C-alpha atoms as a PDB file:
ATOM      1  CA  UNK A   1      76.281 170.020 107.237  1.00  0.00           C
ATOM      2  CA  UNK A   2      75.331 166.787 105.260  1.00  0.00           C
ATOM      3  CA  UNK A   3      73.210 164.160 107.637  1.00  0.00           C
ATOM      4  CA  UNK A   4      75.658 163.009 110.423  1.00  0.00           C
ATOM      5  CA  UNK A   5      77.105 165.497 112.865  1.00  0.00           C
ATOM      6  CA  UNK A   6      80.986 164.847 112.849  1.00  0.00           C
ATOM      7  CA  UNK A   7      81.258 164.059 116.513  1.00  0.00           C
ATOM      8  CA  UNK A   8      79.352 160.642 116.170  1.00  0.00           C
ATOM      9  CA  UNK A   9      80.035 159.482 112.384  1.00  0.00           C
ATOM     10  CA  UNK A  10      83.778 158.534 114.196  1.00  0.00           C
ATOM     11  CA  UNK A  11      82.262 157.179 117.655  1.00  0.00           C
ATOM     12  CA  UNK A  12      81.675 153.021 117.177  1.00  0.00           C
ATOM     13  CA  UNK A  13      80.396 150.798 118.945  1.00  0.00           C
ATOM     14  CA  UNK A  14      81.987 150.198 122.700  1.00  0.00           C
ATOM     15  CA  UNK A  15      82.883 146.733 122.235  1.00  0.00           C
ATOM     16  CA  UNK A  16      81.382 144.619 126.038  1.00  0.00           C
ATOM     17  CA  UNK A  17      83.788 142.680 127.214  1.00  0.00           C
ATOM     18  CA  UNK A  18      84.164 138.588 127.582  1.00  0.00           C
ATOM     19  CA  UNK A  19      84.280 139.131 131.031  1.00  0.00           C
ATOM     20  CA  UNK A  20      80.784 141.087 131.786  1.00  0.00           C
ATOM     21  CA  UNK A  21      78.889 139.343 129.286  1.00  0.00           C
ATOM     22  CA  UNK A  22      79.701 135.987 130.622  1.00  0.00           C
ATOM     23  CA  UNK A  23      79.787 137.419 134.428  1.00  0.00           C
ATOM     24  CA  UNK A  24      83.254 136.179 135.505  1.00  0.00           C
ATOM     25  CA  UNK A  25      83.753 137.860 138.458  1.00  0.00           C
ATOM     26  CA  UNK A  26      87.252 136.803 139.237  1.00  0.00           C
ATOM     27  CA  UNK A  27      90.196 135.096 137.038  1.00  0.00           C
ATOM     28  CA  UNK A  28      91.328 132.511 137.538  1.00  0.00           C
ATOM     29  CA  UNK A  29      95.100 132.581 136.513  1.00  0.00           C
ATOM     30  CA  UNK A  30      94.505 128.476 136.369  1.00  0.00           C
ATOM     31  CA  UNK A  31      92.048 129.030 133.541  1.00  0.00           C
ATOM     32  CA  UNK A  32      94.357 128.325 130.402  1.00  0.00           C
ATOM     33  CA  UNK A  33      91.353 128.598 128.540  1.00  0.00           C
ATOM     34  CA  UNK A  34      90.558 131.624 129.699  1.00  0.00           C
ATOM     35  CA  UNK A  35      93.641 133.702 129.989  1.00  0.00           C
ATOM     36  CA  UNK A  36      94.151 132.965 126.051  1.00  0.00           C
ATOM     37  CA  UNK A  37      90.765 135.181 124.964  1.00  0.00           C
ATOM     38  CA  UNK A  38      93.116 138.032 125.941  1.00  0.00           C
ATOM     39  CA  UNK A  39      95.719 137.599 124.627  1.00  0.00           C
ATOM     40  CA  UNK A  40      97.372 137.632 121.538  1.00  0.00           C
ATOM     41  CA  UNK A  41      98.978 135.105 118.757  1.00  0.00           C
ATOM     42  CA  UNK A  42     102.130 135.752 120.063  1.00  0.00           C
ATOM     43  CA  UNK A  43     101.260 136.678 123.811  1.00  0.00           C
ATOM     44  CA  UNK A  44     101.153 139.427 124.293  1.00  0.00           C
ATOM     45  CA  UNK A  45      98.376 141.078 126.905  1.00  0.00           C
ATOM     46  CA  UNK A  46      95.651 142.683 124.487  1.00  0.00           C
ATOM     47  CA  UNK A  47      94.528 146.591 125.249  1.00  0.00           C
ATOM     48  CA  UNK A  48      91.067 147.874 126.582  1.00  0.00           C
ATOM     49  CA  UNK A  49      90.347 149.102 123.568  1.00  0.00           C
ATOM     50  CA  UNK A  50      90.445 145.372 121.618  1.00  0.00           C
ATOM     51  CA  UNK A  51      88.985 142.941 124.606  1.00  0.00           C
ATOM     52  CA  UNK A  52      86.771 145.919 125.791  1.00  0.00           C
ATOM     53  CA  UNK A  53      87.721 145.151 129.518  1.00  0.00           C
ATOM     54  CA  UNK A  54      87.429 147.810 131.623  1.00  0.00           C
ATOM     55  CA  UNK A  55      90.179 149.385 133.782  1.00  0.00           C
ATOM     56  CA  UNK A  56      89.684 146.846 136.402  1.00  0.00           C
ATOM     57  CA  UNK A  57      88.481 144.241 134.171  1.00  0.00           C
ATOM     58  CA  UNK A  58      92.320 144.716 132.927  1.00  0.00           C
ATOM     59  CA  UNK A  59      94.100 144.709 135.621  1.00  0.00           C
ATOM     60  CA  UNK A  60      91.998 140.575 136.851  1.00  0.00           C
ATOM     61  CA  UNK A  61      93.455 139.833 133.582  1.00  0.00           C
ATOM     62  CA  UNK A  62      97.055 140.827 133.500  1.00  0.00           C
ATOM     63  CA  UNK A  63      97.663 140.261 136.907  1.00  0.00           C
ATOM     64  CA  UNK A  64      96.266 136.806 136.179  1.00  0.00           C
ATOM     65  CA  UNK A  65      98.462 135.846 132.470  1.00  0.00           C
ATOM     66  CA  UNK A  66     101.109 137.283 134.843  1.00  0.00           C
ATOM     67  CA  UNK A  67     100.919 134.353 137.222  1.00  0.00           C
ATOM     68  CA  UNK A  68      99.952 132.392 134.675  1.00  0.00           C
ATOM     69  CA  UNK A  69     103.705 132.492 133.437  1.00  0.00           C
ATOM     70  CA  UNK A  70     105.538 132.895 136.158  1.00  0.00           C
ATOM     71  CA  UNK A  71     103.717 128.942 136.955  1.00  0.00           C
ATOM     72  CA  UNK A  72     104.879 128.579 132.398  1.00  0.00           C
ATOM     73  CA  UNK A  73     100.789 127.709 132.115  1.00  0.00           C
ATOM     74  CA  UNK A  74     101.073 129.895 129.445  1.00  0.00           C
ATOM     75  CA  UNK A  75     104.174 131.163 127.137  1.00  0.00           C
ATOM     76  CA  UNK A  76     105.901 134.781 127.510  1.00  0.00           C
ATOM     77  CA  UNK A  77     105.754 134.819 123.982  1.00  0.00           C
ATOM     78  CA  UNK A  78     105.400 132.617 120.804  1.00  0.00           C
ATOM     79  CA  UNK A  79     107.185 132.715 118.195  1.00  0.00           C
ATOM     80  CA  UNK A  80     105.144 132.912 115.142  1.00  0.00           C
ATOM     81  CA  UNK A  81     106.751 132.122 111.498  1.00  0.00           C
ATOM     82  CA  UNK A  82     105.015 133.161 108.074  1.00  0.00           C
ATOM     83  CA  UNK A  83     104.655 131.567 104.867  1.00  0.00           C
ATOM     84  CA  UNK A  84     107.044 133.301 101.856  1.00  0.00           C
ATOM     85  CA  UNK A  85     107.073 133.630  99.236  1.00  0.00           C
ATOM     86  CA  UNK A  86     108.716 130.389  97.470  1.00  0.00           C
ATOM     87  CA  UNK A  87     111.958 131.863  95.915  1.00  0.00           C
ATOM     88  CA  UNK A  88     114.896 130.256  94.674  1.00  0.00           C
ATOM     89  CA  UNK A  89     118.391 131.234  97.072  1.00  0.00           C
ATOM     90  CA  UNK A  90     121.089 130.825  96.934  1.00  0.00           C
ATOM     91  CA  UNK A  91     123.632 129.217  99.451  1.00  0.00           C
ATOM     92  CA  UNK A  92     123.933 132.691 100.581  1.00  0.00           C
ATOM     93  CA  UNK A  93     120.676 133.201 100.831  1.00  0.00           C
ATOM     94  CA  UNK A  94     120.163 135.990  98.237  1.00  0.00           C
ATOM     95  CA  UNK A  95     117.742 134.910  95.876  1.00  0.00           C
ATOM     96  CA  UNK A  96     118.454 134.291  93.138  1.00  0.00           C
ATOM     97  CA  UNK A  97     119.171 136.672  89.534  1.00  0.00           C
ATOM     98  CA  UNK A  98     121.856 137.892  88.603  1.00  0.00           C
ATOM     99  CA  UNK A  99     124.237 140.013  91.084  1.00  0.00           C
ATOM    100  CA  UNK A 100     123.223 143.547  92.490  1.00  0.00           C
ATOM    101  CA  UNK A 101     124.850 146.392  90.078  1.00  0.00           C
ATOM    102  CA  UNK A 102     127.344 149.412  92.533  1.00  0.00           C
ATOM    103  CA  UNK A 103     125.858 152.620  92.372  1.00  0.00           C
ATOM    104  CA  UNK A 104     128.773 153.833  92.453  1.00  0.00           C
ATOM    105  CA  UNK A 105     133.123 154.179  92.462  1.00  0.00           C
ATOM    106  CA  UNK A 106     133.758 152.164  96.302  1.00  0.00           C
ATOM    107  CA  UNK A 107     134.878 154.548  99.290  1.00  0.00           C
ATOM    108  CA  UNK A 108     139.402 155.424  99.086  1.00  0.00           C
ATOM    109  CA  UNK A 109     139.413 155.678  94.661  1.00  0.00           C
ATOM    110  CA  UNK A 110     140.058 152.324  93.872  1.00  0.00           C
ATOM    111  CA  UNK A 111     140.710 151.647  90.171  1.00  0.00           C
ATOM    112  CA  UNK A 112     142.514 155.582  89.748  1.00  0.00           C
ATOM    113  CA  UNK A 113     145.944 155.546  88.489  1.00  0.00           C
ATOM    114  CA  UNK A 114     148.073 156.181  92.186  1.00  0.00           C
ATOM    115  CA  UNK A 115     151.666 156.597  92.222  1.00  0.00           C
ATOM    116  CA  UNK A 116     154.483 153.912  93.571  1.00  0.00           C
ATOM    117  CA  UNK A 117     158.232 155.279  94.876  1.00  0.00           C
ATOM    118  CA  UNK A 118     159.475 152.096  94.042  1.00  0.00           C
ATOM    119  CA  UNK A 119     161.901 151.633  91.649  1.00  0.00           C
ATOM    120  CA  UNK A 120     160.912 148.774  88.884  1.00  0.00           C
ATOM    121  CA  UNK A 121     164.970 147.501  88.548  1.00  0.00           C
ATOM    122  CA  UNK A 122     164.571 146.410  92.081  1.00  0.00           C
ATOM    123  CA  UNK A 123     161.515 144.574  91.667  1.00  0.00           C
ATOM    124  CA  UNK A 124     162.902 142.867  89.050  1.00  0.00           C
ATOM    125  CA  UNK A 125     164.942 141.425  90.820  1.00  0.00           C
ATOM    126  CA  UNK A 126     168.683 143.363  88.396  1.00  0.00           C
ATOM    127  CA  UNK A 127     170.651 145.808  90.301  1.00  0.00           C
ATOM    128  CA  UNK A 128     170.199 144.323  93.733  1.00  0.00           C
ATOM    129  CA  UNK A 129     174.395 143.385  94.270  1.00  0.00           C
ATOM    130  CA  UNK A 130     174.532 146.947  93.650  1.00  0.00           C
ATOM    131  CA  UNK A 131     172.699 148.261  97.096  1.00  0.00           C
ATOM    132  CA  UNK A 132     174.363 145.529  98.877  1.00  0.00           C
ATOM    133  CA  UNK A 133     177.070 147.275 101.214  1.00  0.00           C
ATOM    134  CA  UNK A 134     180.812 146.211 100.032  1.00  0.00           C
ATOM    135  CA  UNK A 135     182.543 145.837 101.777  1.00  0.00           C
ATOM    136  CA  UNK A 136     186.451 145.534 101.202  1.00  0.00           C
ATOM    137  CA  UNK A 137     188.610 142.985 100.816  1.00  0.00           C
ATOM    138  CA  UNK A 138     190.735 143.466 104.236  1.00  0.00           C
ATOM    139  CA  UNK A 139     187.314 143.533 106.278  1.00  0.00           C
ATOM    140  CA  UNK A 140     186.464 139.891 105.539  1.00  0.00           C
ATOM    141  CA  UNK A 141     190.084 138.535 106.323  1.00  0.00           C
END
């Protein structure tokens, strides 16, 4: 064995709750400054292992935050914007540069020779009279 046992090296020091250090016994839903200490920047309630709260303290904090949300003191969620890299973009939201190349032929076999059952003379307009129904002179009168 080396100097330390594996169990001791993995255990981190237990975090002490802010409520314990400040000796706060009641978490008021109107105390927005205190509630924000237990919320992430996206307005989520922080976990016990992050804040160091006991189960009872975490229940008090969670209930106070939920009530403050209903009373519109704290938001249900925050939209966090991140700084994007400054790349030129075209009007379609894609980065400028060469268009992406297709990885293979399109589905459906487009581009291959396809046989058609069309008479070339009918397409060109030739022989249209021949295909018209014949009407005798007697029927026209």
